[in-house]
């Protein structure tokens, strides 16, 4: 990867490598230095038991915009923290647009602010993120898969060893596997 890639070129590269963005159907609308705009259509499988868009979907969209904005310069940036606040709920069929922009960059630490809005422009969620710049460039990952092949390598939940729970060192497992 050359160091003179534009933010749009970095965005296209990230789009190819992000399995979660692909899985959710998130689209890159715009990317500039320090900012990004992404969108998604709220599908029936994104609706929770309360009948509104699941907060995890809103968080994933806001986090993706934050990730694209923080990596827009071509240097790998990883999230150190995010805070998402939910406002009026999004509904099935809503086209949601997330925007994130760098507020401050000091050394290798960046602060980003983001918003998620519906098609009417109503604010649905806000994000505050803190990113840490890493020494490598975007696209220089040791990860051996891409968005198109990532899910074929994920083991089924039933294949995980039992018990999958934490226990204090020196203590015995509590109860046998429930039947």
Foldseek 3Di string as FASTA:
>chain_A
DDQPDALVVLVVLVVFFDQVCVVQVKAWDDAHAFKTKIKHAAAPVQADPVQFGDPVVVVVQQVVRVLSNVQSSFFHKDWPDKDKDFDDTHHHGWMKMKMKGWPDDDPQKTWMKMFIATPVRDTGMIMITMIGTDPHGRPPDPDPDGNVCVVVPDDDPVPDDPPPDDDDPPDDDDDPDDD
